[in-house]
Amino acid sequence: MKRVMFVLGVNALFAIVFAFGALKEGKSIPYFQVTLLDGKVAVVRAENGKLSVQVKDQKGNRTLTPKVLVLDFWATWCPPCQVASKWLSQLHHKYQKKGVLILAISVDEDGRTSVAPFVKEEKTPYLVALDPKAEVANRFKIEELPTLYFVNEKGIIVRVIEGAPGGPKELERILQTMGVR
């Protein structure tokens, strides 16, 4: 009986440990909403096998259905994040018209105070959101910055990069494996 209890206890411990890792490839992206730097709200959801990003403001809603959604969890104080943001800007310019949408979610605790000057100085061309209490980051179980998620049009996480990516060519290869040319 003691052996059975020990095995059950070990199995429970493994389940707890694995439950706390970042969301992995092959999983569906969770529903979330986040406030963009410009004050609009982005609502991301995968329903009925279709990914959508709804951008809301007082004037109405705009629904985007990207072929690939790249989520970038980052912070202004993180040097690898700063490098990755330059590479993501390159990707945006090259692949935006091919259905790639980039949404960078900042976990800077002071929110707009740090993020707005950074975005202005870097001329960041893609969507930037504020997550100062790390509510969205916690839903994704982010453990390292930057963490990038590549999500397909069905809302399935195809690739996760924790830490600095290997460069813009690596990011482009991922997009190409997802059918973006």
N, C-alpha and C. Protein backbone atom coordinates (compact mmCIF):
# COMPACT_ATOMS: atom_id res chain seq x y z
N MET A 1 0.82 -1.19 0.00
CA MET A 1 0.00 0.00 0.00
C MET A 1 0.87 1.26 0.00
N LYS A 2 1.96 1.24 0.80
CA LYS A 2 2.85 2.39 0.84
C LYS A 2 3.45 2.65 -0.52
N ARG A 3 3.81 1.58 -1.26
CA ARG A 3 4.41 1.73 -2.59
C ARG A 3 3.40 2.38 -3.55
N VAL A 4 2.15 1.97 -3.49
CA VAL A 4 1.12 2.55 -4.35
C VAL A 4 0.96 4.04 -4.04
N MET A 5 0.92 4.40 -2.77
CA MET A 5 0.79 5.80 -2.39
C MET A 5 2.01 6.60 -2.86
N PHE A 6 3.21 6.01 -2.75
CA PHE A 6 4.42 6.69 -3.20
C PHE A 6 4.36 6.94 -4.71
N VAL A 7 3.96 5.94 -5.49
CA VAL A 7 3.86 6.08 -6.94
C VAL A 7 2.82 7.14 -7.30
N LEU A 8 1.69 7.12 -6.63
CA LEU A 8 0.67 8.14 -6.88
C LEU A 8 1.20 9.53 -6.55
N GLY A 9 1.93 9.65 -5.45
CA GLY A 9 2.51 10.93 -5.06
C GLY A 9 3.53 11.43 -6.07
N VAL A 10 4.38 10.55 -6.56
CA VAL A 10 5.37 10.93 -7.57
C VAL A 10 4.68 11.35 -8.86
N ASN A 11 3.66 10.60 -9.28
CA ASN A 11 2.92 10.96 -10.50
C ASN A 11 2.26 12.33 -10.34
N ALA A 12 1.70 12.61 -9.19
CA ALA A 12 1.08 13.91 -8.95
C ALA A 12 2.12 15.03 -9.02
N LEU A 13 3.30 14.77 -8.45
CA LEU A 13 4.37 15.77 -8.49
C LEU A 13 4.77 16.06 -9.93
N PHE A 14 4.93 15.02 -10.75
CA PHE A 14 5.29 15.23 -12.16
C PHE A 14 4.20 16.02 -12.87
N ALA A 15 2.95 15.74 -12.59
CA ALA A 15 1.85 16.46 -13.23
C ALA A 15 1.91 17.93 -12.86
N ILE A 16 2.22 18.23 -11.61
CA ILE A 16 2.32 19.62 -11.17
C ILE A 16 3.50 20.31 -11.85
N VAL A 17 4.65 19.67 -11.90
CA VAL A 17 5.83 20.27 -12.52
C VAL A 17 5.58 20.56 -13.99
N PHE A 18 5.00 19.61 -14.73
CA PHE A 18 4.77 19.82 -16.15
C PHE A 18 3.66 20.82 -16.42
N ALA A 19 2.76 21.01 -15.49
CA ALA A 19 1.67 21.95 -15.67
C ALA A 19 2.16 23.39 -15.65
N PHE A 20 3.34 23.64 -15.09
CA PHE A 20 3.80 25.01 -14.95
C PHE A 20 4.73 25.47 -16.05
N GLY A 21 5.05 24.64 -17.04
CA GLY A 21 5.90 25.07 -18.15
C GLY A 21 5.11 25.96 -19.10
N ALA A 22 5.83 26.68 -19.97
CA ALA A 22 5.18 27.53 -20.96
C ALA A 22 4.26 26.68 -21.84
N LEU A 23 3.22 27.30 -22.38
CA LEU A 23 2.34 26.59 -23.30
C LEU A 23 3.17 26.06 -24.44
N LYS A 24 2.90 24.86 -24.86
CA LYS A 24 3.75 24.16 -25.82
C LYS A 24 3.14 24.07 -27.21
N GLU A 25 3.98 23.67 -28.12
CA GLU A 25 3.57 23.47 -29.50
C GLU A 25 2.49 22.39 -29.57
N GLY A 26 1.56 22.58 -30.49
CA GLY A 26 0.48 21.63 -30.67
C GLY A 26 -0.76 21.97 -29.86
N LYS A 27 -0.65 22.91 -28.93
CA LYS A 27 -1.79 23.33 -28.11
C LYS A 27 -2.51 24.49 -28.78
N SER A 28 -3.78 24.63 -28.47
CA SER A 28 -4.56 25.76 -28.95
C SER A 28 -4.22 27.00 -28.13
N ILE A 29 -4.19 28.13 -28.76
CA ILE A 29 -3.90 29.38 -28.07
C ILE A 29 -5.09 29.71 -27.16
N PRO A 30 -4.83 30.15 -25.93
CA PRO A 30 -5.96 30.50 -25.06
C PRO A 30 -6.56 31.85 -25.47
N TYR A 31 -7.84 32.01 -25.16
CA TYR A 31 -8.50 33.30 -25.35
C TYR A 31 -7.84 34.32 -24.44
N PHE A 32 -7.61 35.53 -24.94
CA PHE A 32 -7.16 36.61 -24.07
C PHE A 32 -7.48 37.95 -24.72
N GLN A 33 -7.49 38.97 -23.89
CA GLN A 33 -7.59 40.33 -24.40
C GLN A 33 -6.55 41.17 -23.70
N VAL A 34 -6.06 42.17 -24.42
CA VAL A 34 -4.97 42.99 -23.92
C VAL A 34 -5.14 44.40 -24.48
N THR A 35 -4.75 45.39 -23.69
CA THR A 35 -4.83 46.78 -24.12
C THR A 35 -3.60 47.14 -24.93
N LEU A 36 -3.85 47.69 -26.12
CA LEU A 36 -2.76 48.12 -26.98
C LEU A 36 -2.22 49.46 -26.52
N LEU A 37 -1.03 49.77 -26.95
CA LEU A 37 -0.37 51.02 -26.57
C LEU A 37 -1.21 52.24 -26.95
N ASP A 38 -1.95 52.15 -28.06
CA ASP A 38 -2.77 53.28 -28.51
C ASP A 38 -4.14 53.34 -27.82
N GLY A 39 -4.37 52.47 -26.82
CA GLY A 39 -5.62 52.50 -26.06
C GLY A 39 -6.69 51.54 -26.57
N LYS A 40 -6.52 51.00 -27.77
CA LYS A 40 -7.47 50.03 -28.29
C LYS A 40 -7.29 48.71 -27.53
N VAL A 41 -8.26 47.83 -27.66
CA VAL A 41 -8.20 46.52 -27.02
C VAL A 41 -8.14 45.45 -28.11
N ALA A 42 -7.20 44.53 -27.96
CA ALA A 42 -7.09 43.40 -28.89
C ALA A 42 -7.63 42.17 -28.18
N VAL A 43 -8.56 41.48 -28.85
CA VAL A 43 -9.13 40.25 -28.34
C VAL A 43 -8.68 39.13 -29.27
N VAL A 44 -7.95 38.17 -28.71
CA VAL A 44 -7.41 37.06 -29.50
C VAL A 44 -8.15 35.79 -29.09
N ARG A 45 -8.65 35.09 -30.11
CA ARG A 45 -9.37 33.85 -29.81
C ARG A 45 -9.23 32.87 -30.97
N ALA A 46 -9.35 31.62 -30.61
CA ALA A 46 -9.40 30.54 -31.60
C ALA A 46 -10.71 29.80 -31.35
N GLU A 47 -11.62 29.92 -32.29
CA GLU A 47 -12.92 29.26 -32.16
C GLU A 47 -13.23 28.52 -33.45
N ASN A 48 -13.74 27.32 -33.29
CA ASN A 48 -14.14 26.50 -34.44
C ASN A 48 -13.00 26.36 -35.46
N GLY A 49 -11.78 26.21 -34.95
CA GLY A 49 -10.64 26.01 -35.84
C GLY A 49 -10.22 27.22 -36.62
N LYS A 50 -10.54 28.41 -36.11
CA LYS A 50 -10.18 29.65 -36.81
C LYS A 50 -9.67 30.68 -35.81
N LEU A 51 -8.51 31.24 -36.11
CA LEU A 51 -7.90 32.28 -35.29
C LEU A 51 -8.42 33.64 -35.71
N SER A 52 -8.73 34.48 -34.73
CA SER A 52 -9.11 35.86 -35.04
C SER A 52 -8.54 36.80 -34.00
N VAL A 53 -8.24 38.00 -34.46
CA VAL A 53 -7.79 39.08 -33.59
C VAL A 53 -8.72 40.24 -33.84
N GLN A 54 -9.49 40.58 -32.83
CA GLN A 54 -10.45 41.67 -32.96
C GLN A 54 -9.85 42.89 -32.26
N VAL A 55 -9.77 44.00 -32.98
CA VAL A 55 -9.24 45.24 -32.43
C VAL A 55 -10.42 46.16 -32.21
N LYS A 56 -10.62 46.56 -30.94
CA LYS A 56 -11.79 47.34 -30.56
C LYS A 56 -11.38 48.73 -30.07
N ASP A 57 -12.20 49.72 -30.43
CA ASP A 57 -12.09 51.05 -29.83
C ASP A 57 -13.49 51.64 -29.79
N GLN A 58 -13.62 52.92 -29.40
CA GLN A 58 -14.95 53.51 -29.26
C GLN A 58 -15.68 53.63 -30.60
N LYS A 59 -14.93 53.64 -31.69
CA LYS A 59 -15.54 53.81 -33.01
C LYS A 59 -16.03 52.50 -33.61
N GLY A 60 -15.59 51.37 -33.04
CA GLY A 60 -16.05 50.10 -33.57
C GLY A 60 -14.99 49.01 -33.47
N ASN A 61 -15.22 47.95 -34.21
CA ASN A 61 -14.35 46.79 -34.18
C ASN A 61 -13.79 46.50 -35.57
N ARG A 62 -12.58 45.97 -35.57
CA ARG A 62 -11.96 45.50 -36.80
C ARG A 62 -11.46 44.09 -36.51
N THR A 63 -11.89 43.12 -37.30
CA THR A 63 -11.48 41.74 -37.07
C THR A 63 -10.43 41.34 -38.10
N LEU A 64 -9.31 40.85 -37.59
CA LEU A 64 -8.22 40.38 -38.43
C LEU A 64 -8.16 38.86 -38.35
N THR A 65 -7.89 38.21 -39.47
CA THR A 65 -7.76 36.76 -39.50
C THR A 65 -6.39 36.43 -40.11
N PRO A 66 -5.34 36.51 -39.30
CA PRO A 66 -4.00 36.30 -39.84
C PRO A 66 -3.74 34.85 -40.22
N LYS A 67 -2.85 34.68 -41.19
CA LYS A 67 -2.39 33.35 -41.55
C LYS A 67 -1.45 32.84 -40.46
N VAL A 68 -0.66 33.77 -39.92
CA VAL A 68 0.25 33.47 -38.81
C VAL A 68 0.20 34.63 -37.83
N LEU A 69 0.04 34.31 -36.55
CA LEU A 69 0.14 35.30 -35.49
C LEU A 69 1.44 35.03 -34.74
N VAL A 70 2.27 36.06 -34.65
CA VAL A 70 3.50 35.96 -33.87
C VAL A 70 3.29 36.77 -32.60
N LEU A 71 3.30 36.09 -31.46
CA LEU A 71 3.20 36.75 -30.16
C LEU A 71 4.60 36.87 -29.59
N ASP A 72 4.94 38.06 -29.14
CA ASP A 72 6.26 38.32 -28.56
C ASP A 72 6.06 38.85 -27.15
N PHE A 73 6.40 38.03 -26.15
CA PHE A 73 6.39 38.50 -24.75
C PHE A 73 7.77 39.06 -24.48
N TRP A 74 7.81 40.33 -24.06
CA TRP A 74 9.07 41.05 -23.97
C TRP A 74 9.01 42.14 -22.91
N ALA A 75 10.15 42.81 -22.70
CA ALA A 75 10.23 43.98 -21.81
C ALA A 75 11.30 44.92 -22.36
N THR A 76 11.15 46.19 -22.11
CA THR A 76 12.10 47.20 -22.62
C THR A 76 13.48 47.04 -22.00
N TRP A 77 13.56 46.55 -20.77
CA TRP A 77 14.83 46.42 -20.05
C TRP A 77 15.60 45.16 -20.42
N CYS A 78 15.07 44.35 -21.30
CA CYS A 78 15.64 43.04 -21.67
C CYS A 78 16.45 43.18 -22.96
N PRO A 79 17.80 43.12 -22.91
CA PRO A 79 18.61 43.27 -24.14
C PRO A 79 18.26 42.28 -25.25
N PRO A 80 18.06 40.97 -24.98
CA PRO A 80 17.68 40.08 -26.08
C PRO A 80 16.32 40.46 -26.70
N CYS A 81 15.43 41.02 -25.87
CA CYS A 81 14.12 41.47 -26.37
C CYS A 81 14.30 42.63 -27.34
N GLN A 82 15.22 43.52 -27.03
CA GLN A 82 15.48 44.67 -27.88
C GLN A 82 15.99 44.22 -29.26
N VAL A 83 16.87 43.23 -29.27
CA VAL A 83 17.38 42.69 -30.53
C VAL A 83 16.26 42.00 -31.30
N ALA A 84 15.48 41.19 -30.59
CA ALA A 84 14.38 40.47 -31.24
C ALA A 84 13.37 41.46 -31.85
N SER A 85 13.15 42.60 -31.20
CA SER A 85 12.18 43.57 -31.73
C SER A 85 12.65 44.13 -33.07
N LYS A 86 13.94 44.30 -33.26
CA LYS A 86 14.46 44.75 -34.55
C LYS A 86 14.20 43.69 -35.63
N TRP A 87 14.41 42.42 -35.28
CA TRP A 87 14.16 41.34 -36.23
C TRP A 87 12.68 41.22 -36.55
N LEU A 88 11.83 41.43 -35.53
CA LEU A 88 10.39 41.36 -35.76
C LEU A 88 9.93 42.52 -36.65
N SER A 89 10.58 43.68 -36.53
CA SER A 89 10.26 44.80 -37.41
C SER A 89 10.57 44.43 -38.86
N GLN A 90 11.69 43.77 -39.08
CA GLN A 90 12.05 43.31 -40.43
C GLN A 90 11.00 42.33 -40.95
N LEU A 91 10.60 41.39 -40.10
CA LEU A 91 9.57 40.41 -40.50
C LEU A 91 8.27 41.11 -40.86
N HIS A 92 7.89 42.08 -40.03
CA HIS A 92 6.65 42.81 -40.27
C HIS A 92 6.67 43.45 -41.66
N HIS A 93 7.75 44.16 -41.96
CA HIS A 93 7.83 44.84 -43.26
C HIS A 93 7.79 43.85 -44.42
N LYS A 94 8.40 42.70 -44.26
CA LYS A 94 8.49 41.73 -45.34
C LYS A 94 7.23 40.87 -45.50
N TYR A 95 6.56 40.54 -44.38
CA TYR A 95 5.49 39.55 -44.42
C TYR A 95 4.11 40.05 -44.02
N GLN A 96 3.97 41.30 -43.68
CA GLN A 96 2.68 41.83 -43.25
C GLN A 96 1.60 41.59 -44.31
N LYS A 97 1.93 41.85 -45.56
CA LYS A 97 0.94 41.70 -46.64
C LYS A 97 0.71 40.25 -47.02
N LYS A 98 1.46 39.34 -46.42
CA LYS A 98 1.30 37.91 -46.68
C LYS A 98 0.56 37.21 -45.55
N GLY A 99 -0.05 38.01 -44.67
CA GLY A 99 -0.90 37.43 -43.63
C GLY A 99 -0.24 37.22 -42.28
N VAL A 100 0.93 37.80 -42.06
CA VAL A 100 1.61 37.66 -40.77
C VAL A 100 1.27 38.88 -39.90
N LEU A 101 0.77 38.61 -38.72
CA LEU A 101 0.44 39.67 -37.75
C LEU A 101 1.33 39.48 -36.53
N ILE A 102 2.01 40.54 -36.12
CA ILE A 102 2.87 40.49 -34.94
C ILE A 102 2.21 41.30 -33.83
N LEU A 103 2.11 40.67 -32.67
CA LEU A 103 1.57 41.33 -31.48
C LEU A 103 2.59 41.16 -30.36
N ALA A 104 3.23 42.26 -29.99
CA ALA A 104 4.23 42.25 -28.93
C ALA A 104 3.55 42.64 -27.63
N ILE A 105 3.72 41.82 -26.60
CA ILE A 105 3.06 42.05 -25.32
C ILE A 105 4.13 42.36 -24.28
N SER A 106 4.18 43.62 -23.88
CA SER A 106 5.19 44.07 -22.92
C SER A 106 4.76 43.75 -21.50
N VAL A 107 5.69 43.22 -20.71
CA VAL A 107 5.42 42.94 -19.30
C VAL A 107 6.10 43.97 -18.40
N ASP A 108 6.51 45.10 -18.97
CA ASP A 108 7.08 46.17 -18.16
C ASP A 108 6.07 46.60 -17.10
N GLU A 109 6.49 46.60 -15.84
CA GLU A 109 5.57 46.92 -14.74
C GLU A 109 5.04 48.34 -14.79
N ASP A 110 5.82 49.27 -15.34
CA ASP A 110 5.35 50.65 -15.41
C ASP A 110 4.63 50.95 -16.73
N GLY A 111 4.37 49.91 -17.49
CA GLY A 111 3.55 50.01 -18.69
C GLY A 111 3.98 51.08 -19.68
N ARG A 112 3.04 51.94 -19.99
CA ARG A 112 3.21 52.98 -21.00
C ARG A 112 4.43 53.86 -20.75
N THR A 113 4.78 54.09 -19.50
CA THR A 113 5.91 54.97 -19.17
C THR A 113 7.20 54.51 -19.83
N SER A 114 7.47 53.22 -19.84
CA SER A 114 8.67 52.68 -20.49
C SER A 114 8.44 52.32 -21.94
N VAL A 115 7.28 51.77 -22.23
CA VAL A 115 7.03 51.20 -23.55
C VAL A 115 6.86 52.28 -24.62
N ALA A 116 6.10 53.33 -24.35
CA ALA A 116 5.84 54.36 -25.36
C ALA A 116 7.13 54.99 -25.90
N PRO A 117 8.07 55.42 -25.05
CA PRO A 117 9.30 55.99 -25.61
C PRO A 117 10.12 54.98 -26.42
N PHE A 118 10.14 53.72 -25.95
CA PHE A 118 10.88 52.68 -26.68
C PHE A 118 10.29 52.48 -28.07
N VAL A 119 8.98 52.34 -28.14
CA VAL A 119 8.29 52.11 -29.41
C VAL A 119 8.49 53.30 -30.36
N LYS A 120 8.45 54.50 -29.80
CA LYS A 120 8.65 55.70 -30.62
C LYS A 120 10.07 55.75 -31.15
N GLU A 121 11.04 55.52 -30.30
CA GLU A 121 12.45 55.58 -30.71
C GLU A 121 12.79 54.50 -31.74
N GLU A 122 12.26 53.31 -31.53
CA GLU A 122 12.55 52.19 -32.44
C GLU A 122 11.65 52.19 -33.68
N LYS A 123 10.64 53.06 -33.69
CA LYS A 123 9.67 53.11 -34.79
C LYS A 123 9.06 51.73 -35.03
N THR A 124 8.63 51.12 -33.94
CA THR A 124 8.04 49.78 -33.99
C THR A 124 6.78 49.80 -34.84
N PRO A 125 6.76 49.00 -35.93
CA PRO A 125 5.64 49.09 -36.88
C PRO A 125 4.47 48.15 -36.60
N TYR A 126 4.59 47.24 -35.66
CA TYR A 126 3.55 46.24 -35.41
C TYR A 126 2.80 46.56 -34.13
N LEU A 127 1.77 45.77 -33.83
CA LEU A 127 0.94 46.01 -32.65
C LEU A 127 1.73 45.77 -31.37
N VAL A 128 1.59 46.70 -30.43
CA VAL A 128 2.26 46.58 -29.13
C VAL A 128 1.20 46.71 -28.05
N ALA A 129 1.23 45.77 -27.11
CA ALA A 129 0.25 45.74 -26.02
C ALA A 129 0.96 45.85 -24.68
N LEU A 130 0.19 46.25 -23.68
CA LEU A 130 0.70 46.42 -22.32
C LEU A 130 0.11 45.35 -21.41
N ASP A 131 0.98 44.69 -20.68
CA ASP A 131 0.56 43.65 -19.72
C ASP A 131 1.35 43.86 -18.42
N PRO A 132 1.17 45.03 -17.77
CA PRO A 132 2.02 45.37 -16.61
C PRO A 132 1.86 44.46 -15.41
N LYS A 133 0.72 43.80 -15.29
CA LYS A 133 0.53 42.86 -14.19
C LYS A 133 0.79 41.41 -14.63
N ALA A 134 1.27 41.26 -15.85
CA ALA A 134 1.62 39.95 -16.42
C ALA A 134 0.45 38.96 -16.42
N GLU A 135 -0.76 39.48 -16.56
CA GLU A 135 -1.93 38.59 -16.56
C GLU A 135 -1.94 37.68 -17.78
N VAL A 136 -1.66 38.24 -18.96
CA VAL A 136 -1.63 37.42 -20.17
C VAL A 136 -0.39 36.53 -20.15
N ALA A 137 0.74 37.10 -19.75
CA ALA A 137 1.98 36.31 -19.66
C ALA A 137 1.79 35.11 -18.74
N ASN A 138 1.07 35.29 -17.66
CA ASN A 138 0.82 34.17 -16.74
C ASN A 138 -0.09 33.11 -17.38
N ARG A 139 -1.02 33.53 -18.22
CA ARG A 139 -1.88 32.55 -18.91
C ARG A 139 -1.04 31.68 -19.83
N PHE A 140 0.02 32.28 -20.39
CA PHE A 140 0.92 31.52 -21.27
C PHE A 140 2.06 30.86 -20.49
N LYS A 141 2.10 31.10 -19.19
CA LYS A 141 3.13 30.51 -18.31
C LYS A 141 4.54 30.88 -18.76
N ILE A 142 4.71 32.17 -19.08
CA ILE A 142 6.01 32.67 -19.56
C ILE A 142 7.03 32.60 -18.42
N GLU A 143 8.18 32.02 -18.73
CA GLU A 143 9.26 31.88 -17.76
C GLU A 143 10.52 32.63 -18.17
N GLU A 144 10.60 33.02 -19.44
CA GLU A 144 11.82 33.63 -19.96
C GLU A 144 11.45 34.69 -20.98
N LEU A 145 12.24 35.76 -21.03
CA LEU A 145 12.02 36.81 -22.02
C LEU A 145 13.22 36.87 -22.96
N PRO A 146 12.98 37.12 -24.22
CA PRO A 146 11.66 37.09 -24.86
C PRO A 146 11.18 35.65 -25.02
N THR A 147 9.89 35.51 -25.17
CA THR A 147 9.29 34.25 -25.60
C THR A 147 8.39 34.57 -26.77
N LEU A 148 8.61 33.86 -27.88
CA LEU A 148 7.84 34.07 -29.09
C LEU A 148 6.99 32.83 -29.37
N TYR A 149 5.74 33.08 -29.74
CA TYR A 149 4.81 32.04 -30.15
C TYR A 149 4.44 32.27 -31.60
N PHE A 150 4.52 31.23 -32.40
CA PHE A 150 4.06 31.26 -33.78
C PHE A 150 2.79 30.43 -33.83
N VAL A 151 1.67 31.09 -34.14
CA VAL A 151 0.35 30.46 -34.09
C VAL A 151 -0.23 30.44 -35.51
N ASN A 152 -0.73 29.27 -35.92
CA ASN A 152 -1.29 29.18 -37.28
C ASN A 152 -2.72 29.71 -37.35
N GLU A 153 -3.28 29.71 -38.54
CA GLU A 153 -4.61 30.28 -38.77
C GLU A 153 -5.72 29.53 -38.06
N LYS A 154 -5.42 28.31 -37.57
CA LYS A 154 -6.40 27.54 -36.82
C LYS A 154 -6.31 27.81 -35.31
N GLY A 155 -5.32 28.62 -34.92
CA GLY A 155 -5.14 28.94 -33.50
C GLY A 155 -4.26 27.95 -32.76
N ILE A 156 -3.53 27.13 -33.49
CA ILE A 156 -2.65 26.13 -32.89
C ILE A 156 -1.22 26.69 -32.81
N ILE A 157 -0.60 26.52 -31.66
CA ILE A 157 0.78 26.95 -31.48
C ILE A 157 1.68 25.99 -32.26
N VAL A 158 2.39 26.52 -33.24
CA VAL A 158 3.24 25.70 -34.10
C VAL A 158 4.68 25.70 -33.60
N ARG A 159 5.13 26.83 -33.06
CA ARG A 159 6.52 26.93 -32.61
C ARG A 159 6.59 27.89 -31.44
N VAL A 160 7.44 27.56 -30.47
CA VAL A 160 7.71 28.42 -29.32
C VAL A 160 9.22 28.60 -29.24
N ILE A 161 9.64 29.84 -29.10
CA ILE A 161 11.06 30.14 -28.89
C ILE A 161 11.16 30.84 -27.54
N GLU A 162 11.80 30.18 -26.59
CA GLU A 162 12.03 30.78 -25.28
C GLU A 162 13.46 31.30 -25.26
N GLY A 163 13.62 32.60 -24.98
CA GLY A 163 14.93 33.21 -25.03
C GLY A 163 15.16 33.81 -26.41
N ALA A 164 16.36 34.31 -26.61
CA ALA A 164 16.68 35.00 -27.86
C ALA A 164 16.60 34.06 -29.06
N PRO A 165 15.90 34.48 -30.12
CA PRO A 165 15.89 33.67 -31.34
C PRO A 165 17.28 33.69 -31.98
N GLY A 166 17.50 32.74 -32.89
CA GLY A 166 18.80 32.62 -33.55
C GLY A 166 19.07 33.68 -34.60
N GLY A 167 18.12 34.52 -34.89
CA GLY A 167 18.29 35.57 -35.88
C GLY A 167 17.10 35.66 -36.81
N PRO A 168 17.10 36.67 -37.69
CA PRO A 168 15.96 36.85 -38.59
C PRO A 168 15.76 35.69 -39.55
N LYS A 169 16.83 35.03 -39.94
CA LYS A 169 16.71 33.88 -40.86
C LYS A 169 15.95 32.74 -40.19
N GLU A 170 16.21 32.52 -38.90
CA GLU A 170 15.48 31.47 -38.17
C GLU A 170 13.99 31.79 -38.14
N LEU A 171 13.66 33.05 -37.90
CA LEU A 171 12.26 33.46 -37.84
C LEU A 171 11.60 33.28 -39.21
N GLU A 172 12.31 33.63 -40.26
CA GLU A 172 11.77 33.45 -41.62
C GLU A 172 11.57 31.98 -41.95
N ARG A 173 12.50 31.12 -41.51
CA ARG A 173 12.35 29.67 -41.77
C ARG A 173 11.09 29.14 -41.11
N ILE A 174 10.82 29.63 -39.90
CA ILE A 174 9.61 29.19 -39.19
C ILE A 174 8.37 29.60 -40.00
N LEU A 175 8.34 30.85 -40.47
CA LEU A 175 7.21 31.31 -41.27
C LEU A 175 7.06 30.47 -42.53
N GLN A 176 8.17 30.13 -43.16
CA GLN A 176 8.12 29.33 -44.37
C GLN A 176 7.58 27.93 -44.10
N THR A 177 7.95 27.34 -42.95
CA THR A 177 7.41 26.02 -42.62
C THR A 177 5.90 26.10 -42.35
N MET A 178 5.42 27.32 -42.06
CA MET A 178 4.00 27.52 -41.81
C MET A 178 3.27 27.92 -43.09
N GLY A 179 3.96 27.90 -44.22
CA GLY A 179 3.31 28.18 -45.49
C GLY A 179 3.38 29.60 -45.96
N VAL A 180 4.12 30.46 -45.27
CA VAL A 180 4.25 31.86 -45.67
C VAL A 180 5.48 31.98 -46.57
N ARG A 181 5.29 32.49 -47.75
CA ARG A 181 6.42 32.62 -48.71
C ARG A 181 6.66 34.06 -49.05
